[in-house]
Amino acid sequence: MSENHPPLSIPESTFSYLIDPVIRKAVDSLLDEPDDALPSSLDIAELANYFRAKAAAVAVKYDTVIVLEELWRTIWADAVVGWRCHGTWKDEVDPNSVWQGSEFWVSHNLGKHKFWSAVALELETGTQKPCVRLYCSLTDEEEEEELFDGHLDAFELTADDDEWDGWMKLKVALPIFAEGCLDITGLQEAARQVGIAMRQQTS
């Protein structure tokens, strides 16, 4: 098991994007604009500021992609030791997909078993506060069944109408505190318990 890490710092750019709907709207708007054309209403006197804003929006995107990868690696890497990363992993971690879903997920194989592990940045329902949640799934590819259902105390099976349909999700999402500070100890412990359950289910 990995040593416990000190609180992880979410980049200021990502944290601001998560907590401020005005910033979120501006960044999304800039990233939606094509890179090979300028807005028709743009005045040449505004060009430099536009480029700066566009560069800042791109930085938010890649800061977020990087922190999601770091979260996944710090939390889940120990659980998949000995498993083979699926051949399509480059498609799974395409930066555009990671950014659009605010999630980093990878699948691994061991014999007839497939394991999906994910970390997602979410806005908590009701409070709209930023948080981190873990998702996972272990299936027997021959039987096509979810093997974790009922075997992970900290997780529950997602609802049928959930975008993570068929996955197990961590019941309690971990909040991102002021200035983007996140204590990942609880997330690491949850992933460790998943690793134990994996070994029991696949032995």
C-alpha atoms as a PDB file:
ATOM      1  CA  MET A   1       0.000   0.000   0.000  1.00  0.00           C
ATOM      2  CA  SER A   2       1.203   3.508  -0.798  1.00  0.00           C
ATOM      3  CA  GLU A   3       2.289   5.792   1.980  1.00  0.00           C
ATOM      4  CA  ASN A   4      -0.342   8.342   2.914  1.00  0.00           C
ATOM      5  CA  HIS A   5       0.147  11.568   1.034  1.00  0.00           C
ATOM      6  CA  PRO A   6      -0.208  15.054   2.468  1.00  0.00           C
ATOM      7  CA  PRO A   7      -3.286  16.979   1.340  1.00  0.00           C
ATOM      8  CA  LEU A   8      -3.195  17.306  -2.428  1.00  0.00           C
ATOM      9  CA  SER A   9      -3.561  20.771  -3.894  1.00  0.00           C
ATOM     10  CA  ILE A  10      -5.965  21.181  -6.783  1.00  0.00           C
ATOM     11  CA  PRO A  11      -4.549  23.859  -9.156  1.00  0.00           C
ATOM     12  CA  GLU A  12      -6.003  27.320  -8.597  1.00  0.00           C
ATOM     13  CA  SER A  13      -7.186  27.401 -12.202  1.00  0.00           C
ATOM     14  CA  THR A  14      -9.168  24.169 -11.798  1.00  0.00           C
ATOM     15  CA  PHE A  15     -10.500  25.146  -8.360  1.00  0.00           C
ATOM     16  CA  SER A  16     -11.739  28.511  -9.644  1.00  0.00           C
ATOM     17  CA  TYR A  17     -13.386  26.778 -12.593  1.00  0.00           C
ATOM     18  CA  LEU A  18     -15.195  24.399 -10.250  1.00  0.00           C
ATOM     19  CA  ILE A  19     -16.446  26.947  -7.726  1.00  0.00           C
ATOM     20  CA  ASP A  20     -17.215  29.978  -9.903  1.00  0.00           C
ATOM     21  CA  PRO A  21     -19.994  29.583 -12.508  1.00  0.00           C
ATOM     22  CA  VAL A  22     -18.960  32.825 -14.237  1.00  0.00           C
ATOM     23  CA  ILE A  23     -15.417  31.538 -14.787  1.00  0.00           C
ATOM     24  CA  ARG A  24     -16.795  28.151 -15.807  1.00  0.00           C
ATOM     25  CA  LYS A  25     -19.050  29.717 -18.440  1.00  0.00           C
ATOM     26  CA  ALA A  26     -16.225  31.903 -19.804  1.00  0.00           C
ATOM     27  CA  VAL A  27     -13.756  29.023 -20.026  1.00  0.00           C
ATOM     28  CA  ASP A  28     -16.288  26.714 -21.685  1.00  0.00           C
ATOM     29  CA  SER A  29     -17.189  29.426 -24.187  1.00  0.00           C
ATOM     30  CA  LEU A  30     -13.549  30.077 -25.116  1.00  0.00           C
ATOM     31  CA  LEU A  31     -12.766  26.376 -25.479  1.00  0.00           C
ATOM     32  CA  ASP A  32     -15.835  25.866 -27.672  1.00  0.00           C
ATOM     33  CA  GLU A  33     -14.554  28.412 -30.179  1.00  0.00           C
ATOM     34  CA  PRO A  34     -12.605  26.960 -33.123  1.00  0.00           C
ATOM     35  CA  ASP A  35      -8.835  27.408 -33.032  1.00  0.00           C
ATOM     36  CA  ASP A  36      -8.588  28.258 -36.724  1.00  0.00           C
ATOM     37  CA  ALA A  37     -10.849  31.314 -36.689  1.00  0.00           C
ATOM     38  CA  LEU A  38     -11.418  34.457 -34.628  1.00  0.00           C
ATOM     39  CA  PRO A  39     -14.801  35.644 -33.316  1.00  0.00           C
ATOM     40  CA  SER A  40     -16.506  37.838 -35.899  1.00  0.00           C
ATOM     41  CA  SER A  41     -17.168  40.571 -33.320  1.00  0.00           C
ATOM     42  CA  LEU A  42     -13.524  40.781 -32.176  1.00  0.00           C
ATOM     43  CA  ASP A  43     -11.834  44.161 -32.648  1.00  0.00           C
ATOM     44  CA  ILE A  44      -8.123  44.165 -33.459  1.00  0.00           C
ATOM     45  CA  ALA A  45      -7.464  46.268 -30.361  1.00  0.00           C
ATOM     46  CA  GLU A  46      -8.788  43.361 -28.278  1.00  0.00           C
ATOM     47  CA  LEU A  47      -6.659  40.733 -29.981  1.00  0.00           C
ATOM     48  CA  ALA A  48      -3.898  40.391 -27.388  1.00  0.00           C
ATOM     49  CA  ASN A  49      -6.364  40.143 -24.503  1.00  0.00           C
ATOM     50  CA  TYR A  50      -8.370  37.572 -26.442  1.00  0.00           C
ATOM     51  CA  PHE A  51      -5.263  35.460 -26.967  1.00  0.00           C
ATOM     52  CA  ARG A  52      -4.426  35.710 -23.257  1.00  0.00           C
ATOM     53  CA  ALA A  53      -7.939  34.620 -22.308  1.00  0.00           C
ATOM     54  CA  LYS A  54      -7.798  31.733 -24.777  1.00  0.00           C
ATOM     55  CA  ALA A  55      -4.428  30.611 -23.398  1.00  0.00           C
ATOM     56  CA  ALA A  56      -5.769  30.789 -19.836  1.00  0.00           C
ATOM     57  CA  ALA A  57      -8.779  28.652 -20.811  1.00  0.00           C
ATOM     58  CA  VAL A  58      -6.501  26.036 -22.373  1.00  0.00           C
ATOM     59  CA  ALA A  59      -4.397  26.086 -19.189  1.00  0.00           C
ATOM     60  CA  VAL A  60      -7.515  25.375 -17.102  1.00  0.00           C
ATOM     61  CA  LYS A  61      -8.287  22.412 -19.336  1.00  0.00           C
ATOM     62  CA  TYR A  62      -4.835  20.843 -19.086  1.00  0.00           C
ATOM     63  CA  ASP A  63      -4.379  21.665 -15.403  1.00  0.00           C
ATOM     64  CA  THR A  64      -7.600  19.746 -14.802  1.00  0.00           C
ATOM     65  CA  VAL A  65      -6.569  16.802 -16.988  1.00  0.00           C
ATOM     66  CA  ILE A  66      -3.212  16.610 -15.193  1.00  0.00           C
ATOM     67  CA  VAL A  67      -4.682  16.713 -11.692  1.00  0.00           C
ATOM     68  CA  LEU A  68      -7.205  14.015 -12.594  1.00  0.00           C
ATOM     69  CA  GLU A  69      -4.385  11.763 -13.801  1.00  0.00           C
ATOM     70  CA  GLU A  70      -2.409  12.495 -10.632  1.00  0.00           C
ATOM     71  CA  LEU A  71      -5.434  11.682  -8.498  1.00  0.00           C
ATOM     72  CA  TRP A  72      -6.039   8.410 -10.335  1.00  0.00           C
ATOM     73  CA  ARG A  73      -2.385   7.355 -10.069  1.00  0.00           C
ATOM     74  CA  THR A  74      -2.060   8.301  -6.404  1.00  0.00           C
ATOM     75  CA  ILE A  75      -5.309   6.567  -5.434  1.00  0.00           C
ATOM     76  CA  TRP A  76      -5.692   3.568  -7.748  1.00  0.00           C
ATOM     77  CA  ALA A  77      -2.207   2.525  -8.930  1.00  0.00           C
ATOM     78  CA  ASP A  78      -1.617   0.012  -6.125  1.00  0.00           C
ATOM     79  CA  ALA A  79      -4.913  -1.755  -6.794  1.00  0.00           C
ATOM     80  CA  VAL A  80      -3.936  -2.679 -10.369  1.00  0.00           C
ATOM     81  CA  VAL A  81      -0.429  -4.003  -9.696  1.00  0.00           C
ATOM     82  CA  GLY A  82      -0.167  -7.227 -11.681  1.00  0.00           C
ATOM     83  CA  TRP A  83      -3.045  -6.348 -13.978  1.00  0.00           C
ATOM     84  CA  ARG A  84      -2.557  -5.527 -17.660  1.00  0.00           C
ATOM     85  CA  CYS A  85      -3.696  -2.134 -18.877  1.00  0.00           C
ATOM     86  CA  HIS A  86      -6.252  -2.589 -21.640  1.00  0.00           C
ATOM     87  CA  GLY A  87      -4.988  -2.015 -25.165  1.00  0.00           C
ATOM     88  CA  THR A  88      -7.394   0.892 -25.707  1.00  0.00           C
ATOM     89  CA  TRP A  89      -6.061   2.907 -22.773  1.00  0.00           C
ATOM     90  CA  LYS A  90      -4.917   5.759 -25.022  1.00  0.00           C
ATOM     91  CA  ASP A  91      -8.492   6.237 -26.176  1.00  0.00           C
ATOM     92  CA  GLU A  92      -9.761   6.132 -22.591  1.00  0.00           C
ATOM     93  CA  VAL A  93      -7.446   8.909 -21.390  1.00  0.00           C
ATOM     94  CA  ASP A  94      -7.731  11.192 -24.405  1.00  0.00           C
ATOM     95  CA  PRO A  95      -7.408  14.705 -22.888  1.00  0.00           C
ATOM     96  CA  ASN A  96     -10.570  15.957 -24.572  1.00  0.00           C
ATOM     97  CA  SER A  97     -12.594  13.089 -23.095  1.00  0.00           C
ATOM     98  CA  VAL A  98     -11.015  13.530 -19.655  1.00  0.00           C
ATOM     99  CA  TRP A  99     -11.795  17.256 -19.716  1.00  0.00           C
ATOM    100  CA  GLN A 100     -15.349  16.939 -20.998  1.00  0.00           C
ATOM    101  CA  GLY A 101     -16.285  14.368 -18.383  1.00  0.00           C
ATOM    102  CA  SER A 102     -14.112  15.741 -15.546  1.00  0.00           C
ATOM    103  CA  GLU A 103     -13.138  12.124 -15.005  1.00  0.00           C
ATOM    104  CA  PHE A 104     -10.120   9.885 -15.481  1.00  0.00           C
ATOM    105  CA  TRP A 105     -10.814   6.187 -15.919  1.00  0.00           C
ATOM    106  CA  VAL A 106      -8.803   3.220 -17.131  1.00  0.00           C
ATOM    107  CA  SER A 107      -9.591  -0.459 -17.626  1.00  0.00           C
ATOM    108  CA  HIS A 108      -7.296  -3.372 -16.770  1.00  0.00           C
ATOM    109  CA  ASN A 109      -7.470  -7.097 -17.439  1.00  0.00           C
ATOM    110  CA  LEU A 110      -6.434 -10.189 -15.517  1.00  0.00           C
ATOM    111  CA  GLY A 111      -7.453 -13.473 -17.086  1.00  0.00           C
ATOM    112  CA  LYS A 112     -11.208 -13.415 -17.641  1.00  0.00           C
ATOM    113  CA  HIS A 113     -11.679 -10.423 -15.347  1.00  0.00           C
ATOM    114  CA  LYS A 114     -11.867  -6.760 -16.276  1.00  0.00           C
ATOM    115  CA  PHE A 115     -11.476  -3.938 -13.755  1.00  0.00           C
ATOM    116  CA  TRP A 116     -12.415  -0.318 -14.364  1.00  0.00           C
ATOM    117  CA  SER A 117     -11.214   2.371 -11.988  1.00  0.00           C
ATOM    118  CA  ALA A 118     -12.034   6.045 -12.117  1.00  0.00           C
ATOM    119  CA  VAL A 119     -11.727   9.326 -10.281  1.00  0.00           C
ATOM    120  CA  ALA A 120     -14.113  12.182 -11.014  1.00  0.00           C
ATOM    121  CA  LEU A 121     -14.346  15.855 -10.106  1.00  0.00           C
ATOM    122  CA  GLU A 122     -17.977  16.597  -9.353  1.00  0.00           C
ATOM    123  CA  LEU A 123     -20.245  19.315  -7.994  1.00  0.00           C
ATOM    124  CA  GLU A 124     -22.088  17.806  -5.037  1.00  0.00           C
ATOM    125  CA  THR A 125     -25.839  17.638  -5.575  1.00  0.00           C
ATOM    126  CA  GLY A 126     -27.626  20.243  -3.481  1.00  0.00           C
ATOM    127  CA  THR A 127     -24.605  22.221  -2.308  1.00  0.00           C
ATOM    128  CA  GLN A 128     -22.847  22.469  -5.683  1.00  0.00           C
ATOM    129  CA  LYS A 129     -19.558  22.293  -3.784  1.00  0.00           C
ATOM    130  CA  PRO A 130     -16.631  20.648  -5.619  1.00  0.00           C
ATOM    131  CA  CYS A 131     -15.761  17.138  -4.547  1.00  0.00           C
ATOM    132  CA  VAL A 132     -13.959  14.001  -5.678  1.00  0.00           C
ATOM    133  CA  ARG A 133     -15.653  10.637  -6.065  1.00  0.00           C
ATOM    134  CA  LEU A 134     -14.287   7.206  -6.948  1.00  0.00           C
ATOM    135  CA  TYR A 135     -15.903   4.729  -9.307  1.00  0.00           C
ATOM    136  CA  CYS A 136     -14.961   1.143 -10.049  1.00  0.00           C
ATOM    137  CA  SER A 137     -16.270  -2.033 -11.615  1.00  0.00           C
ATOM    138  CA  LEU A 138     -15.047  -5.627 -11.651  1.00  0.00           C
ATOM    139  CA  THR A 139     -16.617  -7.990 -14.137  1.00  0.00           C
ATOM    140  CA  ASP A 140     -16.279 -11.605 -15.154  1.00  0.00           C
ATOM    141  CA  GLU A 141     -16.105 -11.228 -18.921  1.00  0.00           C
ATOM    142  CA  GLU A 142     -17.440 -14.736 -19.475  1.00  0.00           C
ATOM    143  CA  GLU A 143     -20.416 -14.388 -17.134  1.00  0.00           C
ATOM    144  CA  GLU A 144     -20.930 -10.653 -17.814  1.00  0.00           C
ATOM    145  CA  GLU A 145     -21.735  -9.855 -14.204  1.00  0.00           C
ATOM    146  CA  GLU A 146     -20.664  -7.164 -11.738  1.00  0.00           C
ATOM    147  CA  LEU A 147     -18.637  -8.932  -9.040  1.00  0.00           C
ATOM    148  CA  PHE A 148     -18.400  -6.051  -6.567  1.00  0.00           C
ATOM    149  CA  ASP A 149     -22.127  -5.622  -5.947  1.00  0.00           C
ATOM    150  CA  GLY A 150     -22.681  -6.274  -2.245  1.00  0.00           C
ATOM    151  CA  HIS A 151     -18.965  -6.714  -1.495  1.00  0.00           C
ATOM    152  CA  LEU A 152     -17.805  -3.102  -1.003  1.00  0.00           C
ATOM    153  CA  ASP A 153     -19.148  -1.440   2.137  1.00  0.00           C
ATOM    154  CA  ALA A 154     -18.065   2.055   1.117  1.00  0.00           C
ATOM    155  CA  PHE A 155     -19.501   1.768  -2.403  1.00  0.00           C
ATOM    156  CA  GLU A 156     -22.963   1.342  -3.884  1.00  0.00           C
ATOM    157  CA  LEU A 157     -24.152   0.271  -7.309  1.00  0.00           C
ATOM    158  CA  THR A 158     -25.085   3.237  -9.484  1.00  0.00           C
ATOM    159  CA  ALA A 159     -28.705   3.775 -10.418  1.00  0.00           C
ATOM    160  CA  ASP A 160     -29.955   2.704 -13.834  1.00  0.00           C
ATOM    161  CA  ASP A 161     -30.270   6.317 -14.986  1.00  0.00           C
ATOM    162  CA  ASP A 162     -26.751   7.240 -13.854  1.00  0.00           C
ATOM    163  CA  GLU A 163     -24.135   7.964 -16.501  1.00  0.00           C
ATOM    164  CA  TRP A 164     -21.962   5.442 -14.627  1.00  0.00           C
ATOM    165  CA  ASP A 165     -24.649   2.763 -15.013  1.00  0.00           C
ATOM    166  CA  GLY A 166     -23.320  -0.602 -13.829  1.00  0.00           C
ATOM    167  CA  TRP A 167     -20.395   0.871 -11.875  1.00  0.00           C
ATOM    168  CA  MET A 168     -19.859   0.992  -8.123  1.00  0.00           C
ATOM    169  CA  LYS A 169     -19.557   4.538  -6.748  1.00  0.00           C
ATOM    170  CA  LEU A 170     -18.103   5.725  -3.481  1.00  0.00           C
ATOM    171  CA  LYS A 171     -21.077   6.614  -1.262  1.00  0.00           C
ATOM    172  CA  VAL A 172     -19.475   9.688   0.286  1.00  0.00           C
ATOM    173  CA  ALA A 173     -17.644  12.041  -2.050  1.00  0.00           C
ATOM    174  CA  LEU A 174     -14.602  13.776  -0.556  1.00  0.00           C
ATOM    175  CA  PRO A 175     -14.947  17.591  -0.498  1.00  0.00           C
ATOM    176  CA  ILE A 176     -12.323  19.888  -1.972  1.00  0.00           C
ATOM    177  CA  PHE A 177     -11.652  22.443   0.732  1.00  0.00           C
ATOM    178  CA  ALA A 178     -10.725  26.120   0.543  1.00  0.00           C
ATOM    179  CA  GLU A 179      -7.924  26.991  -1.860  1.00  0.00           C
ATOM    180  CA  GLY A 180      -8.256  23.609  -3.551  1.00  0.00           C
ATOM    181  CA  CYS A 181      -6.954  21.498  -0.682  1.00  0.00           C
ATOM    182  CA  LEU A 182      -7.985  17.815  -0.740  1.00  0.00           C
ATOM    183  CA  ASP A 183      -7.137  15.170   1.862  1.00  0.00           C
ATOM    184  CA  ILE A 184      -6.928  11.966  -0.172  1.00  0.00           C
ATOM    185  CA  THR A 185      -6.285   9.594   2.751  1.00  0.00           C
ATOM    186  CA  GLY A 186      -9.910   8.440   2.780  1.00  0.00           C
ATOM    187  CA  LEU A 187      -9.868   7.894  -0.977  1.00  0.00           C
ATOM    188  CA  GLN A 188      -6.686   5.837  -0.741  1.00  0.00           C
ATOM    189  CA  GLU A 189      -8.212   3.679   1.988  1.00  0.00           C
ATOM    190  CA  ALA A 190     -11.337   3.106  -0.114  1.00  0.00           C
ATOM    191  CA  ALA A 191      -9.171   2.044  -3.063  1.00  0.00           C
ATOM    192  CA  ARG A 192      -7.146  -0.248  -0.788  1.00  0.00           C
ATOM    193  CA  GLN A 193     -10.346  -2.011   0.262  1.00  0.00           C
ATOM    194  CA  VAL A 194     -11.268  -2.387  -3.403  1.00  0.00           C
ATOM    195  CA  GLY A 195      -7.871  -4.005  -4.030  1.00  0.00           C
ATOM    196  CA  ILE A 196      -8.519  -6.521  -1.253  1.00  0.00           C
ATOM    197  CA  ALA A 197     -11.952  -7.343  -2.690  1.00  0.00           C
ATOM    198  CA  MET A 198     -10.404  -7.742  -6.158  1.00  0.00           C
ATOM    199  CA  ARG A 199      -7.955 -10.325  -4.892  1.00  0.00           C
ATOM    200  CA  GLN A 200     -10.739 -12.223  -3.158  1.00  0.00           C
ATOM    201  CA  GLN A 201     -12.948 -12.210  -6.242  1.00  0.00           C
ATOM    202  CA  THR A 202     -10.236 -13.212  -8.720  1.00  0.00           C
ATOM    203  CA  SER A 203      -8.275 -15.792  -6.702  1.00  0.00           C
END
